[in-house]
């Protein structure tokens, strides 16, 4: 599918040009990103963990293509304030799991000499990175969320 929606996701014309399935993925991404941002800023870790597990229960009869899920989360993540890499990774993993596609969120840290500690989250499915593939060779994985 074309990359044009990635560049123009804010336009009404682009939205009208999408399939109903693609619009549905964008809607799912919006509400999951908003919900996860609120949850991560207001709830204790254990409650967030239970919420993510509940949201990730299989629901879809047919899974959405992994690339389209990643596309939808990335499009919305670029446009919503506070949509960190962790929030986007959790949203994508939930959407994938709902369709029965196994996914795992990895969290890694990196530090340049003399620089601050940095963290990053990304999603892997079937042994490949599907969201958050930005200079991953810099990061040492320290945590995993989900099952592959």
Foldseek 3Di string as FASTA:
>chain_A
DDCVCLVPVPDPVVLVVDDPVLVVLLVLLVVQLVVLQVCVVPHDPVVSLVVLVVLLAAADPAADPLLSNQSSNSSVLVPDPPSAQVSSQSSSQSSRSNRVFFKKKWKWWAADVVGDIDMHIFMDTPHHTNHGPDPCVRTDTDDMRGDD
